Amino acid sequence: MSQTAAGRLFVAAGVAFVIIGVLVWSGALSWFGRLPGDIRIERDSVRVYVPLASMLLVSVVLSLLLQLARRWW
């Protein structure tokens, strides 16, 4: 990978992190982590949270993005 391509990759990753940060800060992603399929158990002394559906969604989105990036480059 050339320095130019690596630089573009770092800039794109930085922009993506900023966009995600603004979305989280504004509350636009408040639904994330509360999807049907996320397991949440709250008792008196124990809290267990297993975000199965949320992590499945993240996996699918990242897989699609990586496939697109692989075909693009």
PDB file of N, CA and C in Angstrom:
ATOM      1  N   MET A   1       0.854  -1.167   0.000  1.00  0.00           N
ATOM      2  CA  MET A   1       0.000   0.000   0.000  1.00  0.00           C
ATOM      3  C   MET A   1       0.900   1.230   0.000  1.00  0.00           C
ATOM      4  N   SER A   2       0.632   2.135  -0.875  1.00  0.00           N
ATOM      5  CA  SER A   2       1.438   3.346  -0.969  1.00  0.00           C
ATOM      6  C   SER A   2       1.090   4.302   0.169  1.00  0.00           C
ATOM      7  N   GLN A   3       1.944   5.291   0.354  1.00  0.00           N
ATOM      8  CA  GLN A   3       1.703   6.268   1.414  1.00  0.00           C
ATOM      9  C   GLN A   3       0.442   7.075   1.157  1.00  0.00           C
ATOM     10  N   THR A   4       0.156   7.346  -0.097  1.00  0.00           N
ATOM     11  CA  THR A   4      -1.044   8.106  -0.434  1.00  0.00           C
ATOM     12  C   THR A   4      -2.305   7.324  -0.065  1.00  0.00           C
ATOM     13  N   ALA A   5      -2.321   6.036  -0.388  1.00  0.00           N
ATOM     14  CA  ALA A   5      -3.480   5.207  -0.076  1.00  0.00           C
ATOM     15  C   ALA A   5      -3.641   5.044   1.436  1.00  0.00           C
ATOM     16  N   ALA A   6      -2.526   4.867   2.131  1.00  0.00           N
ATOM     17  CA  ALA A   6      -2.585   4.734   3.585  1.00  0.00           C
ATOM     18  C   ALA A   6      -3.098   6.028   4.219  1.00  0.00           C
ATOM     19  N   GLY A   7      -2.648   7.167   3.689  1.00  0.00           N
ATOM     20  CA  GLY A   7      -3.124   8.452   4.204  1.00  0.00           C
ATOM     21  C   GLY A   7      -4.610   8.632   3.997  1.00  0.00           C
ATOM     22  N   ARG A   8      -5.083   8.264   2.820  1.00  0.00           N
ATOM     23  CA  ARG A   8      -6.526   8.365   2.549  1.00  0.00           C
ATOM     24  C   ARG A   8      -7.321   7.448   3.467  1.00  0.00           C
ATOM     25  N   LEU A   9      -6.778   6.263   3.719  1.00  0.00           N
ATOM     26  CA  LEU A   9      -7.455   5.312   4.607  1.00  0.00           C
ATOM     27  C   LEU A   9      -7.564   5.876   6.023  1.00  0.00           C
ATOM     28  N   PHE A  10      -6.482   6.475   6.522  1.00  0.00           N
ATOM     29  CA  PHE A  10      -6.511   7.063   7.858  1.00  0.00           C
ATOM     30  C   PHE A  10      -7.468   8.251   7.932  1.00  0.00           C
ATOM     31  N   VAL A  11      -7.498   9.061   6.911  1.00  0.00           N
ATOM     32  CA  VAL A  11      -8.426  10.203   6.887  1.00  0.00           C
ATOM     33  C   VAL A  11      -9.868   9.707   6.854  1.00  0.00           C
ATOM     34  N   ALA A  12     -10.155   8.700   6.031  1.00  0.00           N
ATOM     35  CA  ALA A  12     -11.512   8.147   5.952  1.00  0.00           C
ATOM     36  C   ALA A  12     -11.930   7.537   7.287  1.00  0.00           C
ATOM     37  N   ALA A  13     -11.011   6.822   7.941  1.00  0.00           N
ATOM     38  CA  ALA A  13     -11.325   6.236   9.251  1.00  0.00           C
ATOM     39  C   ALA A  13     -11.589   7.339  10.277  1.00  0.00           C
ATOM     40  N   GLY A  14     -10.804   8.406  10.236  1.00  0.00           N
ATOM     41  CA  GLY A  14     -11.008   9.516  11.162  1.00  0.00           C
ATOM     42  C   GLY A  14     -12.348  10.196  10.952  1.00  0.00           C
ATOM     43  N   VAL A  15     -12.711  10.410   9.698  1.00  0.00           N
ATOM     44  CA  VAL A  15     -14.004  11.021   9.392  1.00  0.00           C
ATOM     45  C   VAL A  15     -15.141  10.118   9.861  1.00  0.00           C
ATOM     46  N   ALA A  16     -14.987   8.809   9.656  1.00  0.00           N
ATOM     47  CA  ALA A  16     -16.018   7.865  10.100  1.00  0.00           C
ATOM     48  C   ALA A  16     -16.170   7.898  11.618  1.00  0.00           C
ATOM     49  N   PHE A  17     -15.045   7.961  12.334  1.00  0.00           N
ATOM     50  CA  PHE A  17     -15.112   8.034  13.795  1.00  0.00           C
ATOM     51  C   PHE A  17     -15.782   9.318  14.255  1.00  0.00           C
ATOM     52  N   VAL A  18     -15.507  10.420  13.605  1.00  0.00           N
ATOM     53  CA  VAL A  18     -16.133  11.697  13.968  1.00  0.00           C
ATOM     54  C   VAL A  18     -17.639  11.630  13.731  1.00  0.00           C
ATOM     55  N   ILE A  19     -18.046  11.078  12.598  1.00  0.00           N
ATOM     56  CA  ILE A  19     -19.478  10.977  12.293  1.00  0.00           C
ATOM     57  C   ILE A  19     -20.182  10.087  13.310  1.00  0.00           C
ATOM     58  N   ILE A  20     -19.589   8.952  13.623  1.00  0.00           N
ATOM     59  CA  ILE A  20     -20.188   8.049  14.618  1.00  0.00           C
ATOM     60  C   ILE A  20     -20.241   8.730  15.974  1.00  0.00           C
ATOM     61  N   GLY A  21     -19.188   9.459  16.341  1.00  0.00           N
ATOM     62  CA  GLY A  21     -19.172  10.174  17.615  1.00  0.00           C
ATOM     63  C   GLY A  21     -20.266  11.224  17.702  1.00  0.00           C
ATOM     64  N   VAL A  22     -20.472  11.966  16.622  1.00  0.00           N
ATOM     65  CA  VAL A  22     -21.539  12.978  16.612  1.00  0.00           C
ATOM     66  C   VAL A  22     -22.907  12.309  16.719  1.00  0.00           C
ATOM     67  N   LEU A  23     -23.092  11.182  16.043  1.00  0.00           N
ATOM     68  CA  LEU A  23     -24.372  10.477  16.126  1.00  0.00           C
ATOM     69  C   LEU A  23     -24.638   9.957  17.537  1.00  0.00           C
ATOM     70  N   VAL A  24     -23.614   9.421  18.179  1.00  0.00           N
ATOM     71  CA  VAL A  24     -23.783   8.930  19.556  1.00  0.00           C
ATOM     72  C   VAL A  24     -24.048  10.096  20.501  1.00  0.00           C
ATOM     73  N   TRP A  25     -23.307  11.182  20.331  1.00  0.00           N
ATOM     74  CA  TRP A  25     -23.449  12.346  21.200  1.00  0.00           C
ATOM     75  C   TRP A  25     -24.824  12.989  21.068  1.00  0.00           C
ATOM     76  N   SER A  26     -25.359  13.008  19.855  1.00  0.00           N
ATOM     77  CA  SER A  26     -26.660  13.643  19.633  1.00  0.00           C
ATOM     78  C   SER A  26     -27.830  12.748  20.046  1.00  0.00           C
ATOM     79  N   GLY A  27     -27.568  11.480  20.268  1.00  0.00           N
ATOM     80  CA  GLY A  27     -28.630  10.560  20.661  1.00  0.00           C
ATOM     81  C   GLY A  27     -29.298   9.869  19.492  1.00  0.00           C
ATOM     82  N   ALA A  28     -28.754  10.043  18.295  1.00  0.00           N
ATOM     83  CA  ALA A  28     -29.352   9.424  17.108  1.00  0.00           C
ATOM     84  C   ALA A  28     -29.176   7.909  17.111  1.00  0.00           C
ATOM     85  N   LEU A  29     -28.228   7.399  17.881  1.00  0.00           N
ATOM     86  CA  LEU A  29     -28.011   5.947  17.957  1.00  0.00           C
ATOM     87  C   LEU A  29     -28.490   5.376  19.294  1.00  0.00           C
ATOM     88  N   SER A  30     -29.470   6.012  19.903  1.00  0.00           N
ATOM     89  CA  SER A  30     -29.959   5.533  21.199  1.00  0.00           C
ATOM     90  C   SER A  30     -30.667   4.184  21.083  1.00  0.00           C
ATOM     91  N   TRP A  31     -31.110   3.825  19.892  1.00  0.00           N
ATOM     92  CA  TRP A  31     -31.766   2.541  19.664  1.00  0.00           C
ATOM     93  C   TRP A  31     -30.756   1.397  19.673  1.00  0.00           C
ATOM     94  N   PHE A  32     -29.480   1.729  19.406  1.00  0.00           N
ATOM     95  CA  PHE A  32     -28.468   0.684  19.333  1.00  0.00           C
ATOM     96  C   PHE A  32     -28.212   0.110  20.722  1.00  0.00           C
ATOM     97  N   GLY A  33     -28.279  -1.194  20.847  1.00  0.00           N
ATOM     98  CA  GLY A  33     -28.135  -1.848  22.139  1.00  0.00           C
ATOM     99  C   GLY A  33     -29.466  -2.203  22.761  1.00  0.00           C
ATOM    100  N   ARG A  34     -30.544  -1.801  22.122  1.00  0.00           N
ATOM    101  CA  ARG A  34     -31.882  -2.119  22.624  1.00  0.00           C
ATOM    102  C   ARG A  34     -32.699  -2.844  21.560  1.00  0.00           C
ATOM    103  N   LEU A  35     -32.018  -3.558  20.702  1.00  0.00           N
ATOM    104  CA  LEU A  35     -32.698  -4.280  19.631  1.00  0.00           C
ATOM    105  C   LEU A  35     -33.340  -5.556  20.168  1.00  0.00           C
ATOM    106  N   PRO A  36     -34.389  -6.030  19.499  1.00  0.00           N
ATOM    107  CA  PRO A  36     -34.926  -7.334  19.869  1.00  0.00           C
ATOM    108  C   PRO A  36     -33.844  -8.386  19.626  1.00  0.00           C
ATOM    109  N   GLY A  37     -33.599  -9.209  20.588  1.00  0.00           N
ATOM    110  CA  GLY A  37     -32.534 -10.197  20.479  1.00  0.00           C
ATOM    111  C   GLY A  37     -31.367  -9.878  21.398  1.00  0.00           C
ATOM    112  N   ASP A  38     -31.306  -8.656  21.924  1.00  0.00           N
ATOM    113  CA  ASP A  38     -30.305  -8.314  22.933  1.00  0.00           C
ATOM    114  C   ASP A  38     -30.822  -8.803  24.280  1.00  0.00           C
ATOM    115  N   ILE A  39     -29.991  -9.528  24.991  1.00  0.00           N
ATOM    116  CA  ILE A  39     -30.411 -10.131  26.261  1.00  0.00           C
ATOM    117  C   ILE A  39     -29.984  -9.211  27.402  1.00  0.00           C
ATOM    118  N   ARG A  40     -30.948  -8.849  28.220  1.00  0.00           N
ATOM    119  CA  ARG A  40     -30.681  -7.995  29.376  1.00  0.00           C
ATOM    120  C   ARG A  40     -31.356  -8.609  30.598  1.00  0.00           C
ATOM    121  N   ILE A  41     -30.556  -8.954  31.594  1.00  0.00           N
ATOM    122  CA  ILE A  41     -31.065  -9.529  32.840  1.00  0.00           C
ATOM    123  C   ILE A  41     -30.632  -8.612  33.973  1.00  0.00           C
ATOM    124  N   GLU A  42     -31.602  -8.100  34.710  1.00  0.00           N
ATOM    125  CA  GLU A  42     -31.308  -7.218  35.834  1.00  0.00           C
ATOM    126  C   GLU A  42     -31.964  -7.784  37.086  1.00  0.00           C
ATOM    127  N   ARG A  43     -31.134  -8.138  38.034  1.00  0.00           N
ATOM    128  CA  ARG A  43     -31.594  -8.626  39.343  1.00  0.00           C
ATOM    129  C   ARG A  43     -31.125  -7.643  40.418  1.00  0.00           C
ATOM    130  N   ASP A  44     -31.341  -7.983  41.668  1.00  0.00           N
ATOM    131  CA  ASP A  44     -30.957  -7.088  42.750  1.00  0.00           C
ATOM    132  C   ASP A  44     -29.459  -6.791  42.755  1.00  0.00           C
ATOM    133  N   SER A  45     -28.636  -7.816  42.623  1.00  0.00           N
ATOM    134  CA  SER A  45     -27.192  -7.612  42.750  1.00  0.00           C
ATOM    135  C   SER A  45     -26.419  -7.925  41.470  1.00  0.00           C
ATOM    136  N   VAL A  46     -27.133  -8.296  40.399  1.00  0.00           N
ATOM    137  CA  VAL A  46     -26.450  -8.708  39.174  1.00  0.00           C
ATOM    138  C   VAL A  46     -27.112  -8.060  37.962  1.00  0.00           C
ATOM    139  N   ARG A  47     -26.279  -7.582  37.060  1.00  0.00           N
ATOM    140  CA  ARG A  47     -26.758  -7.087  35.766  1.00  0.00           C
ATOM    141  C   ARG A  47     -25.964  -7.800  34.684  1.00  0.00           C
ATOM    142  N   VAL A  48     -26.672  -8.439  33.774  1.00  0.00           N
ATOM    143  CA  VAL A  48     -26.037  -9.140  32.669  1.00  0.00           C
ATOM    144  C   VAL A  48     -26.617  -8.586  31.378  1.00  0.00           C
ATOM    145  N   TYR A  49     -25.728  -8.219  30.464  1.00  0.00           N
ATOM    146  CA  TYR A  49     -26.167  -7.673  29.185  1.00  0.00           C
ATOM    147  C   TYR A  49     -25.386  -8.360  28.080  1.00  0.00           C
ATOM    148  N   VAL A  50     -26.098  -9.005  27.163  1.00  0.00           N
ATOM    149  CA  VAL A  50     -25.486  -9.712  26.038  1.00  0.00           C
ATOM    150  C   VAL A  50     -26.112  -9.156  24.758  1.00  0.00           C
ATOM    151  N   PRO A  51     -25.397  -8.267  24.044  1.00  0.00           N
ATOM    152  CA  PRO A  51     -25.965  -7.613  22.862  1.00  0.00           C
ATOM    153  C   PRO A  51     -25.843  -8.469  21.597  1.00  0.00           C
ATOM    154  N   LEU A  52     -26.568  -9.562  21.532  1.00  0.00           N
ATOM    155  CA  LEU A  52     -26.455 -10.480  20.400  1.00  0.00           C
ATOM    156  C   LEU A  52     -26.885  -9.828  19.084  1.00  0.00           C
ATOM    157  N   ALA A  53     -28.065  -9.249  19.046  1.00  0.00           N
ATOM    158  CA  ALA A  53     -28.573  -8.661  17.807  1.00  0.00           C
ATOM    159  C   ALA A  53     -27.755  -7.440  17.397  1.00  0.00           C
ATOM    160  N   SER A  54     -27.338  -6.638  18.351  1.00  0.00           N
ATOM    161  CA  SER A  54     -26.546  -5.447  18.031  1.00  0.00           C
ATOM    162  C   SER A  54     -25.199  -5.830  17.423  1.00  0.00           C
ATOM    163  N   MET A  55     -24.533  -6.823  17.996  1.00  0.00           N
ATOM    164  CA  MET A  55     -23.233  -7.231  17.468  1.00  0.00           C
ATOM    165  C   MET A  55     -23.376  -7.958  16.131  1.00  0.00           C
ATOM    166  N   LEU A  56     -24.489  -8.642  15.923  1.00  0.00           N
ATOM    167  CA  LEU A  56     -24.747  -9.256  14.621  1.00  0.00           C
ATOM    168  C   LEU A  56     -24.921  -8.168  13.564  1.00  0.00           C
ATOM    169  N   LEU A  57     -25.617  -7.104  13.904  1.00  0.00           N
ATOM    170  CA  LEU A  57     -25.785  -5.976  12.986  1.00  0.00           C
ATOM    171  C   LEU A  57     -24.446  -5.321  12.665  1.00  0.00           C
ATOM    172  N   VAL A  58     -23.608  -5.113  13.683  1.00  0.00           N
ATOM    173  CA  VAL A  58     -22.277  -4.536  13.464  1.00  0.00           C
ATOM    174  C   VAL A  58     -21.450  -5.444  12.558  1.00  0.00           C
ATOM    175  N   SER A  59     -21.515  -6.738  12.770  1.00  0.00           N
ATOM    176  CA  SER A  59     -20.762  -7.693  11.959  1.00  0.00           C
ATOM    177  C   SER A  59     -21.194  -7.652  10.497  1.00  0.00           C
ATOM    178  N   VAL A  60     -22.487  -7.601  10.256  1.00  0.00           N
ATOM    179  CA  VAL A  60     -22.996  -7.562   8.878  1.00  0.00           C
ATOM    180  C   VAL A  60     -22.583  -6.264   8.187  1.00  0.00           C
ATOM    181  N   VAL A  61     -22.720  -5.144   8.888  1.00  0.00           N
ATOM    182  CA  VAL A  61     -22.363  -3.847   8.290  1.00  0.00           C
ATOM    183  C   VAL A  61     -20.867  -3.787   7.997  1.00  0.00           C
ATOM    184  N   LEU A  62     -20.030  -4.218   8.932  1.00  0.00           N
ATOM    185  CA  LEU A  62     -18.589  -4.205   8.694  1.00  0.00           C
ATOM    186  C   LEU A  62     -18.189  -5.157   7.571  1.00  0.00           C
ATOM    187  N   SER A  63     -18.827  -6.308   7.498  1.00  0.00           N
ATOM    188  CA  SER A  63     -18.534  -7.251   6.414  1.00  0.00           C
ATOM    189  C   SER A  63     -18.881  -6.650   5.057  1.00  0.00           C
ATOM    190  N   LEU A  64     -20.023  -5.985   4.976  1.00  0.00           N
ATOM    191  CA  LEU A  64     -20.405  -5.339   3.722  1.00  0.00           C
ATOM    192  C   LEU A  64     -19.439  -4.212   3.346  1.00  0.00           C
ATOM    193  N   LEU A  65     -19.047  -3.419   4.320  1.00  0.00           N
ATOM    194  CA  LEU A  65     -18.110  -2.330   4.049  1.00  0.00           C
ATOM    195  C   LEU A  65     -16.748  -2.860   3.598  1.00  0.00           C
ATOM    196  N   LEU A  66     -16.287  -3.929   4.228  1.00  0.00           N
ATOM    197  CA  LEU A  66     -14.998  -4.498   3.828  1.00  0.00           C
ATOM    198  C   LEU A  66     -15.071  -5.127   2.443  1.00  0.00           C
ATOM    199  N   GLN A  67     -16.200  -5.751   2.109  1.00  0.00           N
ATOM    200  CA  GLN A  67     -16.374  -6.297   0.758  1.00  0.00           C
ATOM    201  C   GLN A  67     -16.359  -5.180  -0.278  1.00  0.00           C
ATOM    202  N   LEU A  68     -17.043  -4.086   0.015  1.00  0.00           N
ATOM    203  CA  LEU A  68     -17.039  -2.945  -0.904  1.00  0.00           C
ATOM    204  C   LEU A  68     -15.637  -2.361  -1.053  1.00  0.00           C
ATOM    205  N   ALA A  69     -14.914  -2.242   0.065  1.00  0.00           N
ATOM    206  CA  ALA A  69     -13.558  -1.705   0.010  1.00  0.00           C
ATOM    207  C   ALA A  69     -12.642  -2.630  -0.770  1.00  0.00           C
ATOM    208  N   ARG A  70     -12.804  -3.930  -0.619  1.00  0.00           N
ATOM    209  CA  ARG A  70     -11.977  -4.891  -1.341  1.00  0.00           C
ATOM    210  C   ARG A  70     -12.232  -4.815  -2.846  1.00  0.00           C
ATOM    211  N   ARG A  71     -13.482  -4.640  -3.233  1.00  0.00           N
ATOM    212  CA  ARG A  71     -13.793  -4.536  -4.664  1.00  0.00           C
ATOM    213  C   ARG A  71     -13.359  -3.189  -5.235  1.00  0.00           C
ATOM    214  N   TRP A  72     -13.403  -2.144  -4.415  1.00  0.00           N
ATOM    215  CA  TRP A  72     -13.057  -0.814  -4.873  1.00  0.00           C
ATOM    216  C   TRP A  72     -11.555  -0.674  -5.082  1.00  0.00           C
ATOM    217  N   TRP A  73     -10.755  -1.266  -4.169  1.00  0.00           N
ATOM    218  CA  TRP A  73      -9.306  -1.162  -4.295  1.00  0.00           C
ATOM    219  C   TRP A  73      -8.816  -2.365  -5.014  1.00  0.00           C
TER     220      TRP A  73
END
